[in-house]
């Protein structure tokens, strides 16, 4: 059985939009990666999670995935810019989905280096992270609120699935049920 890794920001919680609105209001240079990282180190993560809210009833869907017994483990795998961010996210998830493992990864470390990608599934809203995952032998799903259905690899000349519904990972897992994923 495969492990499932689900990104937090932009997949479970809509923290990205309110963060960038706040950065604009604060005058943060949105073309300066260090300035953005500095903002994320200092921001109020409780507030961002509360304001952003869940995307597409994600917590209930994660509970359903965890209870499905279709995966060896269901995990939230989130990057963090600071220790405080990791603690806050961990505490929020422990309250909402106590049976799901929370993995916080320092921002500078790729998920494909921190986690065992080979033949496991990652759902992330960052195309580069999904492609890195696939390039290390994993099965990648790009989460996009713009998707209106599950889009299969090579349908639009890409190597990954695209969806706006976490439960589509059950179809992806079934698609690879009888075979080991090979890029």
N, C-alpha and C. Protein backbone atom coordinates (compact mmCIF):
# COMPACT_ATOMS: atom_id res chain seq x y z
N UNK A 1 0.84 -1.19 0.00
CA UNK A 1 0.00 0.00 0.00
C UNK A 1 0.88 1.25 0.00
N UNK A 2 0.33 2.29 -0.53
CA UNK A 2 1.05 3.56 -0.65
C UNK A 2 0.80 4.46 0.56
N UNK A 3 1.76 5.38 0.77
CA UNK A 3 1.55 6.48 1.71
C UNK A 3 0.99 7.65 0.92
N UNK A 4 0.17 8.45 1.57
CA UNK A 4 -0.41 9.64 0.97
C UNK A 4 0.07 10.85 1.75
N UNK A 5 0.58 11.85 1.04
CA UNK A 5 1.05 13.09 1.63
C UNK A 5 0.24 14.24 1.04
N UNK A 6 -0.36 15.05 1.91
CA UNK A 6 -1.21 16.16 1.48
C UNK A 6 -0.61 17.46 1.99
N UNK A 7 -0.40 18.39 1.07
CA UNK A 7 0.11 19.72 1.42
C UNK A 7 -0.96 20.48 2.20
N UNK A 8 -0.52 21.46 3.00
CA UNK A 8 -1.44 22.25 3.82
C UNK A 8 -1.90 23.52 3.11
N UNK A 9 -0.98 24.44 2.90
CA UNK A 9 -1.32 25.77 2.39
C UNK A 9 -1.66 25.72 0.91
N UNK A 10 -2.89 26.07 0.58
CA UNK A 10 -3.34 26.03 -0.81
C UNK A 10 -4.02 24.73 -1.19
N UNK A 11 -4.02 23.76 -0.28
CA UNK A 11 -4.71 22.49 -0.52
C UNK A 11 -5.74 22.23 0.59
N UNK A 12 -5.31 22.31 1.83
CA UNK A 12 -6.21 22.09 2.96
C UNK A 12 -6.77 23.43 3.46
N UNK A 13 -5.87 24.38 3.70
CA UNK A 13 -6.28 25.71 4.15
C UNK A 13 -5.94 26.75 3.09
N UNK A 14 -6.82 27.71 2.94
CA UNK A 14 -6.63 28.78 1.97
C UNK A 14 -5.84 29.93 2.59
N UNK A 15 -4.65 29.65 3.08
CA UNK A 15 -3.83 30.65 3.77
C UNK A 15 -3.06 31.54 2.80
N UNK A 16 -2.86 31.09 1.58
CA UNK A 16 -2.04 31.82 0.61
C UNK A 16 -2.69 33.16 0.25
N UNK A 17 -3.97 33.14 -0.09
CA UNK A 17 -4.64 34.38 -0.52
C UNK A 17 -4.62 35.45 0.56
N UNK A 18 -5.06 35.16 1.79
CA UNK A 18 -5.02 36.23 2.81
C UNK A 18 -3.60 36.67 3.14
N UNK A 19 -2.63 35.76 3.03
CA UNK A 19 -1.24 36.14 3.30
C UNK A 19 -0.76 37.16 2.28
N UNK A 20 -1.04 36.91 1.00
CA UNK A 20 -0.57 37.84 -0.02
C UNK A 20 -1.33 39.17 0.02
N UNK A 21 -2.59 39.14 0.41
CA UNK A 21 -3.33 40.40 0.61
C UNK A 21 -2.68 41.20 1.74
N UNK A 22 -2.36 40.52 2.84
CA UNK A 22 -1.72 41.20 3.96
C UNK A 22 -0.33 41.72 3.58
N UNK A 23 0.42 40.93 2.82
CA UNK A 23 1.74 41.38 2.38
C UNK A 23 1.62 42.64 1.52
N UNK A 24 0.66 42.65 0.62
CA UNK A 24 0.44 43.85 -0.21
C UNK A 24 0.15 45.06 0.67
N UNK A 25 -0.74 44.87 1.65
CA UNK A 25 -1.12 45.96 2.56
C UNK A 25 0.08 46.45 3.38
N UNK A 26 0.99 45.54 3.70
CA UNK A 26 2.17 45.90 4.48
C UNK A 26 3.31 46.45 3.60
N UNK A 27 3.13 46.39 2.30
CA UNK A 27 4.16 46.89 1.39
C UNK A 27 5.31 45.94 1.17
N UNK A 28 5.09 44.65 1.40
CA UNK A 28 6.14 43.65 1.17
C UNK A 28 6.37 43.53 -0.35
N UNK A 29 7.61 43.52 -0.75
CA UNK A 29 7.97 43.36 -2.15
C UNK A 29 7.67 41.92 -2.57
N UNK A 30 6.62 41.73 -3.36
CA UNK A 30 6.18 40.39 -3.73
C UNK A 30 7.07 39.73 -4.79
N UNK A 31 8.09 40.44 -5.24
CA UNK A 31 9.06 39.85 -6.17
C UNK A 31 10.33 39.42 -5.44
N UNK A 32 10.37 39.67 -4.13
CA UNK A 32 11.54 39.36 -3.31
C UNK A 32 11.23 38.14 -2.44
N UNK A 33 11.78 37.00 -2.85
CA UNK A 33 11.52 35.72 -2.14
C UNK A 33 11.93 35.80 -0.66
N UNK A 34 13.03 36.48 -0.36
CA UNK A 34 13.47 36.61 1.03
C UNK A 34 12.47 37.44 1.85
N UNK A 35 11.91 38.48 1.25
CA UNK A 35 10.91 39.32 1.94
C UNK A 35 9.64 38.51 2.22
N UNK A 36 9.25 37.69 1.28
CA UNK A 36 8.07 36.84 1.47
C UNK A 36 8.33 35.82 2.57
N UNK A 37 9.49 35.19 2.54
CA UNK A 37 9.85 34.22 3.58
C UNK A 37 9.89 34.90 4.95
N UNK A 38 10.44 36.10 5.01
CA UNK A 38 10.49 36.85 6.26
C UNK A 38 9.08 37.13 6.79
N UNK A 39 8.17 37.49 5.89
CA UNK A 39 6.77 37.69 6.29
C UNK A 39 6.22 36.41 6.92
N UNK A 40 6.42 35.27 6.25
CA UNK A 40 5.88 34.00 6.75
C UNK A 40 6.51 33.59 8.08
N UNK A 41 7.74 34.00 8.32
CA UNK A 41 8.38 33.71 9.60
C UNK A 41 7.71 34.46 10.75
N UNK A 42 7.19 35.65 10.45
CA UNK A 42 6.68 36.53 11.50
C UNK A 42 5.16 36.62 11.57
N UNK A 43 4.45 36.09 10.58
CA UNK A 43 3.00 36.29 10.52
C UNK A 43 2.26 35.49 11.60
N UNK A 44 1.00 35.84 11.78
CA UNK A 44 0.12 35.18 12.74
C UNK A 44 -0.57 34.00 12.03
N UNK A 45 -0.01 32.80 12.19
CA UNK A 45 -0.54 31.64 11.49
C UNK A 45 -1.93 31.24 11.95
N UNK A 46 -2.23 31.42 13.23
CA UNK A 46 -3.60 31.15 13.71
C UNK A 46 -4.59 32.01 12.93
N UNK A 47 -4.26 33.28 12.77
CA UNK A 47 -5.12 34.22 12.05
C UNK A 47 -5.26 33.82 10.58
N UNK A 48 -4.14 33.50 9.92
CA UNK A 48 -4.20 33.11 8.51
C UNK A 48 -5.08 31.88 8.30
N UNK A 49 -4.93 30.90 9.16
CA UNK A 49 -5.73 29.67 9.04
C UNK A 49 -7.21 29.99 9.27
N UNK A 50 -7.49 30.80 10.27
CA UNK A 50 -8.87 31.16 10.59
C UNK A 50 -9.50 31.97 9.45
N UNK A 51 -8.79 32.98 8.96
CA UNK A 51 -9.32 33.83 7.90
C UNK A 51 -9.46 33.05 6.59
N UNK A 52 -8.43 32.29 6.25
CA UNK A 52 -8.43 31.55 4.99
C UNK A 52 -9.45 30.43 4.96
N UNK A 53 -9.60 29.74 6.07
CA UNK A 53 -10.54 28.63 6.15
C UNK A 53 -10.13 27.43 5.31
N UNK A 54 -10.97 26.42 5.39
CA UNK A 54 -10.74 25.19 4.64
C UNK A 54 -11.08 25.36 3.17
N UNK A 55 -10.41 24.59 2.36
CA UNK A 55 -10.72 24.52 0.94
C UNK A 55 -11.53 23.26 0.69
N UNK A 56 -12.70 23.41 0.12
CA UNK A 56 -13.55 22.27 -0.30
C UNK A 56 -13.76 21.22 0.79
N UNK A 57 -14.02 21.67 2.02
CA UNK A 57 -14.32 20.74 3.12
C UNK A 57 -13.20 19.71 3.32
N UNK A 58 -11.97 20.19 3.23
CA UNK A 58 -10.79 19.32 3.21
C UNK A 58 -10.62 18.46 4.46
N UNK A 59 -10.92 18.98 5.63
CA UNK A 59 -10.71 18.19 6.85
C UNK A 59 -11.60 16.95 6.86
N UNK A 60 -12.87 17.10 6.49
CA UNK A 60 -13.76 15.93 6.43
C UNK A 60 -13.29 14.93 5.38
N UNK A 61 -12.77 15.43 4.28
CA UNK A 61 -12.28 14.54 3.23
C UNK A 61 -11.02 13.80 3.68
N UNK A 62 -10.17 14.47 4.44
CA UNK A 62 -8.97 13.79 4.97
C UNK A 62 -9.39 12.71 5.96
N UNK A 63 -10.38 12.97 6.78
CA UNK A 63 -10.88 11.95 7.70
C UNK A 63 -11.40 10.75 6.92
N UNK A 64 -12.11 11.02 5.83
CA UNK A 64 -12.64 9.95 4.99
C UNK A 64 -11.50 9.14 4.36
N UNK A 65 -10.47 9.84 3.88
CA UNK A 65 -9.32 9.14 3.30
C UNK A 65 -8.60 8.29 4.34
N UNK A 66 -8.46 8.83 5.54
CA UNK A 66 -7.80 8.11 6.62
C UNK A 66 -8.58 6.85 7.00
N UNK A 67 -9.90 6.95 7.00
CA UNK A 67 -10.75 5.81 7.37
C UNK A 67 -10.96 4.82 6.23
N UNK A 68 -10.52 5.17 5.02
CA UNK A 68 -10.76 4.32 3.85
C UNK A 68 -9.92 3.05 3.85
N UNK A 69 -8.83 3.04 4.60
CA UNK A 69 -7.90 1.90 4.61
C UNK A 69 -7.32 1.61 3.22
N UNK A 70 -7.29 2.63 2.36
CA UNK A 70 -6.70 2.48 1.03
C UNK A 70 -5.23 2.85 0.99
N UNK A 71 -4.75 3.45 2.08
CA UNK A 71 -3.38 3.92 2.14
C UNK A 71 -2.70 3.38 3.39
N UNK A 72 -1.41 3.14 3.28
CA UNK A 72 -0.64 2.71 4.44
C UNK A 72 -0.73 3.79 5.52
N UNK A 73 -0.46 5.05 5.13
CA UNK A 73 -0.64 6.19 6.04
C UNK A 73 -1.18 7.37 5.25
N UNK A 74 -1.94 8.22 5.95
CA UNK A 74 -2.39 9.50 5.40
C UNK A 74 -1.71 10.56 6.25
N UNK A 75 -0.97 11.46 5.58
CA UNK A 75 -0.15 12.45 6.29
C UNK A 75 -0.39 13.84 5.73
N UNK A 76 -0.30 14.83 6.59
CA UNK A 76 -0.21 16.21 6.14
C UNK A 76 1.28 16.53 6.11
N UNK A 77 1.77 16.95 4.95
CA UNK A 77 3.19 17.29 4.78
C UNK A 77 3.26 18.75 4.38
N UNK A 78 3.69 19.59 5.30
CA UNK A 78 3.68 21.03 5.06
C UNK A 78 5.06 21.64 5.26
N UNK A 79 5.38 22.57 4.38
CA UNK A 79 6.61 23.33 4.58
C UNK A 79 6.36 24.37 5.67
N UNK A 80 7.46 24.73 6.35
CA UNK A 80 7.38 25.77 7.39
C UNK A 80 8.58 26.69 7.25
N UNK A 81 8.31 27.98 7.48
CA UNK A 81 9.38 28.99 7.44
C UNK A 81 9.96 29.22 8.82
N UNK A 82 9.24 28.77 9.86
CA UNK A 82 9.72 28.98 11.23
C UNK A 82 9.24 27.84 12.11
N UNK A 83 9.90 27.71 13.25
CA UNK A 83 9.50 26.72 14.24
C UNK A 83 8.07 27.00 14.71
N UNK A 84 7.75 28.27 14.94
CA UNK A 84 6.42 28.66 15.44
C UNK A 84 5.34 28.25 14.44
N UNK A 85 5.60 28.46 13.16
CA UNK A 85 4.63 28.04 12.13
C UNK A 85 4.37 26.54 12.23
N UNK A 86 5.42 25.76 12.36
CA UNK A 86 5.27 24.31 12.48
C UNK A 86 4.47 23.91 13.70
N UNK A 87 4.72 24.55 14.83
CA UNK A 87 3.98 24.24 16.07
C UNK A 87 2.51 24.58 15.92
N UNK A 88 2.22 25.76 15.37
CA UNK A 88 0.82 26.17 15.22
C UNK A 88 0.08 25.22 14.28
N UNK A 89 0.65 24.92 13.14
CA UNK A 89 -0.01 24.00 12.20
C UNK A 89 -0.20 22.62 12.83
N UNK A 90 0.81 22.13 13.52
CA UNK A 90 0.69 20.82 14.18
C UNK A 90 -0.44 20.83 15.19
N UNK A 91 -0.52 21.87 16.00
CA UNK A 91 -1.58 21.95 17.02
C UNK A 91 -2.97 22.03 16.39
N UNK A 92 -3.11 22.81 15.32
CA UNK A 92 -4.40 22.91 14.63
C UNK A 92 -4.82 21.54 14.10
N UNK A 93 -3.89 20.85 13.45
CA UNK A 93 -4.23 19.55 12.89
C UNK A 93 -4.48 18.50 13.96
N UNK A 94 -3.73 18.54 15.05
CA UNK A 94 -3.97 17.58 16.14
C UNK A 94 -5.38 17.73 16.69
N UNK A 95 -5.89 18.95 16.69
CA UNK A 95 -7.25 19.19 17.16
C UNK A 95 -8.29 18.72 16.14
N UNK A 96 -8.04 19.00 14.86
CA UNK A 96 -9.03 18.71 13.82
C UNK A 96 -8.98 17.26 13.32
N UNK A 97 -7.78 16.73 13.15
CA UNK A 97 -7.63 15.35 12.63
C UNK A 97 -6.54 14.63 13.43
N UNK A 98 -6.85 14.26 14.66
CA UNK A 98 -5.84 13.70 15.56
C UNK A 98 -5.21 12.39 15.09
N UNK A 99 -5.87 11.66 14.21
CA UNK A 99 -5.34 10.37 13.77
C UNK A 99 -4.40 10.48 12.56
N UNK A 100 -4.23 11.68 12.05
CA UNK A 100 -3.40 11.89 10.87
C UNK A 100 -2.06 12.47 11.30
N UNK A 101 -0.99 11.90 10.77
CA UNK A 101 0.35 12.37 11.12
C UNK A 101 0.64 13.70 10.42
N UNK A 102 1.24 14.63 11.16
CA UNK A 102 1.61 15.93 10.64
C UNK A 102 3.13 15.97 10.51
N UNK A 103 3.60 16.30 9.32
CA UNK A 103 5.03 16.39 9.07
C UNK A 103 5.33 17.81 8.62
N UNK A 104 6.15 18.52 9.42
CA UNK A 104 6.55 19.86 9.02
C UNK A 104 7.98 19.79 8.52
N UNK A 105 8.20 20.40 7.36
CA UNK A 105 9.48 20.31 6.67
C UNK A 105 10.03 21.73 6.50
N UNK A 106 11.28 21.96 6.89
CA UNK A 106 11.86 23.28 6.66
C UNK A 106 11.73 23.69 5.19
N UNK A 107 11.38 24.93 4.96
CA UNK A 107 11.08 25.43 3.61
C UNK A 107 12.19 25.15 2.60
N UNK A 108 13.43 25.14 3.03
CA UNK A 108 14.55 24.97 2.10
C UNK A 108 14.75 23.52 1.66
N UNK A 109 14.03 22.59 2.26
CA UNK A 109 14.18 21.17 1.93
C UNK A 109 12.99 20.72 1.08
N UNK A 110 13.25 20.18 -0.08
CA UNK A 110 12.18 19.69 -0.95
C UNK A 110 11.47 18.50 -0.32
N UNK A 111 10.18 18.41 -0.54
CA UNK A 111 9.41 17.29 0.01
C UNK A 111 9.93 15.95 -0.51
N UNK A 112 10.41 15.95 -1.75
CA UNK A 112 10.94 14.72 -2.34
C UNK A 112 12.24 14.27 -1.67
N UNK A 113 12.91 15.17 -0.94
CA UNK A 113 14.09 14.79 -0.17
C UNK A 113 13.72 14.40 1.26
N UNK A 114 12.70 15.02 1.81
CA UNK A 114 12.31 14.79 3.21
C UNK A 114 11.43 13.56 3.38
N UNK A 115 10.76 13.15 2.32
CA UNK A 115 9.79 12.05 2.40
C UNK A 115 10.13 11.00 1.34
N UNK A 116 9.69 9.77 1.56
CA UNK A 116 9.94 8.73 0.56
C UNK A 116 8.99 8.87 -0.63
N UNK A 117 9.44 9.45 -1.70
CA UNK A 117 8.57 9.71 -2.86
C UNK A 117 8.23 8.43 -3.63
N UNK A 118 9.17 7.52 -3.75
CA UNK A 118 9.03 6.37 -4.64
C UNK A 118 7.73 5.60 -4.42
N UNK A 119 6.86 5.66 -5.43
CA UNK A 119 5.59 4.94 -5.47
C UNK A 119 4.57 5.43 -4.43
N UNK A 120 4.81 6.59 -3.81
CA UNK A 120 3.85 7.18 -2.89
C UNK A 120 3.23 8.41 -3.55
N UNK A 121 2.14 8.90 -2.99
CA UNK A 121 1.35 9.97 -3.60
C UNK A 121 1.51 11.28 -2.85
N UNK A 122 1.71 12.37 -3.60
CA UNK A 122 1.74 13.72 -3.05
C UNK A 122 0.66 14.55 -3.73
N UNK A 123 -0.15 15.25 -2.92
CA UNK A 123 -1.09 16.24 -3.43
C UNK A 123 -0.56 17.60 -2.99
N UNK A 124 -0.28 18.46 -3.97
CA UNK A 124 0.30 19.78 -3.66
C UNK A 124 -0.22 20.78 -4.69
N UNK A 125 -0.29 22.05 -4.31
CA UNK A 125 -0.74 23.09 -5.23
C UNK A 125 0.42 23.74 -5.98
N UNK A 126 1.63 23.33 -5.71
CA UNK A 126 2.81 23.88 -6.39
C UNK A 126 3.28 22.89 -7.45
N UNK A 127 3.15 23.29 -8.71
CA UNK A 127 3.50 22.39 -9.82
C UNK A 127 4.95 21.92 -9.73
N UNK A 128 5.87 22.81 -9.35
CA UNK A 128 7.28 22.42 -9.24
C UNK A 128 7.50 21.32 -8.23
N UNK A 129 6.78 21.38 -7.11
CA UNK A 129 6.92 20.33 -6.08
C UNK A 129 6.35 19.01 -6.58
N UNK A 130 5.26 19.07 -7.32
CA UNK A 130 4.66 17.85 -7.89
C UNK A 130 5.61 17.23 -8.91
N UNK A 131 6.20 18.05 -9.75
CA UNK A 131 7.14 17.54 -10.76
C UNK A 131 8.38 16.95 -10.10
N UNK A 132 8.92 17.61 -9.06
CA UNK A 132 10.05 17.05 -8.33
C UNK A 132 9.69 15.69 -7.74
N UNK A 133 8.49 15.57 -7.19
CA UNK A 133 8.01 14.31 -6.60
C UNK A 133 8.01 13.21 -7.66
N UNK A 134 7.44 13.52 -8.82
CA UNK A 134 7.38 12.54 -9.92
C UNK A 134 8.78 12.16 -10.37
N UNK A 135 9.66 13.14 -10.47
CA UNK A 135 11.04 12.87 -10.91
C UNK A 135 11.81 12.00 -9.92
N UNK A 136 11.29 11.85 -8.71
CA UNK A 136 11.90 10.98 -7.71
C UNK A 136 11.07 9.71 -7.50
N UNK A 137 10.25 9.37 -8.50
CA UNK A 137 9.53 8.09 -8.51
C UNK A 137 8.17 8.10 -7.85
N UNK A 138 7.66 9.26 -7.49
CA UNK A 138 6.35 9.33 -6.84
C UNK A 138 5.23 9.58 -7.82
N UNK A 139 4.02 9.54 -7.29
CA UNK A 139 2.81 9.82 -8.06
C UNK A 139 2.36 11.21 -7.62
N UNK A 140 2.25 12.12 -8.57
CA UNK A 140 1.95 13.51 -8.24
C UNK A 140 0.56 13.93 -8.66
N UNK A 141 -0.09 14.68 -7.76
CA UNK A 141 -1.40 15.27 -8.05
C UNK A 141 -1.30 16.76 -7.78
N UNK A 142 -1.54 17.55 -8.82
CA UNK A 142 -1.56 18.99 -8.67
C UNK A 142 -2.96 19.41 -8.24
N UNK A 143 -3.04 20.06 -7.08
CA UNK A 143 -4.33 20.55 -6.59
C UNK A 143 -4.57 21.93 -7.19
N UNK A 144 -5.71 22.10 -7.85
CA UNK A 144 -6.06 23.38 -8.45
C UNK A 144 -7.55 23.61 -8.27
N UNK A 145 -7.90 24.72 -7.63
CA UNK A 145 -9.32 25.04 -7.46
C UNK A 145 -9.99 25.29 -8.81
N UNK A 146 -9.22 25.53 -9.85
CA UNK A 146 -9.76 25.79 -11.19
C UNK A 146 -10.17 24.51 -11.91
N UNK A 147 -9.67 23.37 -11.46
CA UNK A 147 -10.01 22.10 -12.12
C UNK A 147 -11.49 21.79 -11.87
N UNK A 148 -12.14 21.26 -12.89
CA UNK A 148 -13.56 20.92 -12.73
C UNK A 148 -13.80 19.42 -12.67
N UNK A 149 -12.71 18.65 -12.77
CA UNK A 149 -12.78 17.19 -12.71
C UNK A 149 -11.36 16.67 -12.56
N UNK A 150 -11.22 15.37 -12.35
CA UNK A 150 -9.90 14.77 -12.29
C UNK A 150 -9.32 14.69 -13.70
N UNK A 151 -8.16 15.30 -13.89
CA UNK A 151 -7.49 15.30 -15.18
C UNK A 151 -6.31 14.32 -15.08
N UNK A 152 -6.25 13.39 -16.03
CA UNK A 152 -5.24 12.34 -16.00
C UNK A 152 -3.94 12.77 -16.67
N UNK A 153 -2.82 12.11 -16.31
CA UNK A 153 -1.53 12.44 -16.94
C UNK A 153 -1.62 12.38 -18.46
N UNK A 154 -0.86 13.26 -19.09
CA UNK A 154 -0.74 13.36 -20.55
C UNK A 154 -2.00 13.89 -21.23
N UNK A 155 -3.09 14.11 -20.46
CA UNK A 155 -4.30 14.66 -21.07
C UNK A 155 -4.04 16.07 -21.60
N UNK A 156 -3.27 16.84 -20.87
CA UNK A 156 -2.88 18.18 -21.31
C UNK A 156 -1.36 18.28 -21.40
N UNK A 157 -0.74 17.19 -21.86
CA UNK A 157 0.70 17.13 -22.04
C UNK A 157 1.46 17.37 -20.73
N UNK A 158 1.00 16.73 -19.67
CA UNK A 158 1.68 16.80 -18.37
C UNK A 158 1.82 15.40 -17.80
N UNK A 159 2.72 15.26 -16.81
CA UNK A 159 2.99 13.95 -16.22
C UNK A 159 2.23 13.71 -14.91
N UNK A 160 1.36 14.61 -14.56
CA UNK A 160 0.70 14.54 -13.25
C UNK A 160 -0.82 14.63 -13.41
N UNK A 161 -1.50 14.25 -12.36
CA UNK A 161 -2.95 14.40 -12.29
C UNK A 161 -3.24 15.83 -11.83
N UNK A 162 -4.44 16.32 -12.13
CA UNK A 162 -4.90 17.62 -11.64
C UNK A 162 -6.30 17.44 -11.08
N UNK A 163 -6.56 18.01 -9.89
CA UNK A 163 -7.89 17.91 -9.29
C UNK A 163 -8.15 19.07 -8.36
N UNK A 164 -9.42 19.24 -8.00
CA UNK A 164 -9.80 20.20 -6.96
C UNK A 164 -10.50 19.48 -5.81
N UNK A 165 -10.45 18.16 -5.83
CA UNK A 165 -11.14 17.35 -4.82
C UNK A 165 -10.18 16.30 -4.25
N UNK A 166 -9.90 16.40 -2.96
CA UNK A 166 -8.96 15.46 -2.33
C UNK A 166 -9.40 14.00 -2.49
N UNK A 167 -10.69 13.75 -2.57
CA UNK A 167 -11.16 12.37 -2.69
C UNK A 167 -10.80 11.73 -4.03
N UNK A 168 -10.43 12.55 -5.01
CA UNK A 168 -9.98 11.98 -6.30
C UNK A 168 -8.73 11.12 -6.14
N UNK A 169 -8.01 11.29 -5.04
CA UNK A 169 -6.82 10.47 -4.81
C UNK A 169 -7.20 8.99 -4.73
N UNK A 170 -8.43 8.69 -4.36
CA UNK A 170 -8.89 7.29 -4.34
C UNK A 170 -8.90 6.72 -5.77
N UNK A 171 -9.31 7.52 -6.75
CA UNK A 171 -9.29 7.08 -8.16
C UNK A 171 -7.86 6.92 -8.65
N UNK A 172 -7.00 7.85 -8.25
CA UNK A 172 -5.59 7.78 -8.65
C UNK A 172 -4.95 6.52 -8.08
N UNK A 173 -5.20 6.24 -6.81
CA UNK A 173 -4.66 5.05 -6.16
C UNK A 173 -5.17 3.79 -6.85
N UNK A 174 -6.44 3.78 -7.20
CA UNK A 174 -7.02 2.62 -7.89
C UNK A 174 -6.40 2.47 -9.29
N UNK A 175 -6.14 3.58 -9.96
CA UNK A 175 -5.54 3.58 -11.29
C UNK A 175 -4.20 2.84 -11.27
N UNK A 176 -3.45 2.99 -10.18
CA UNK A 176 -2.13 2.34 -10.04
C UNK A 176 -2.17 1.09 -9.15
N UNK A 177 -3.35 0.60 -8.87
CA UNK A 177 -3.49 -0.50 -7.92
C UNK A 177 -2.68 -1.74 -8.29
N UNK A 178 -2.73 -2.12 -9.52
CA UNK A 178 -2.10 -3.38 -9.94
C UNK A 178 -0.68 -3.21 -10.46
N UNK A 179 -0.16 -2.00 -10.40
CA UNK A 179 1.17 -1.79 -10.94
C UNK A 179 1.95 -0.81 -10.07
N UNK A 180 3.24 -0.93 -10.15
CA UNK A 180 4.12 0.02 -9.50
C UNK A 180 4.29 1.19 -10.47
N UNK A 181 4.19 2.36 -9.95
CA UNK A 181 4.34 3.54 -10.78
C UNK A 181 5.75 3.64 -11.32
N UNK A 182 5.85 3.88 -12.61
CA UNK A 182 7.15 4.08 -13.27
C UNK A 182 7.04 5.33 -14.12
N UNK A 183 7.98 6.24 -13.96
CA UNK A 183 7.98 7.44 -14.79
C UNK A 183 8.38 7.11 -16.19
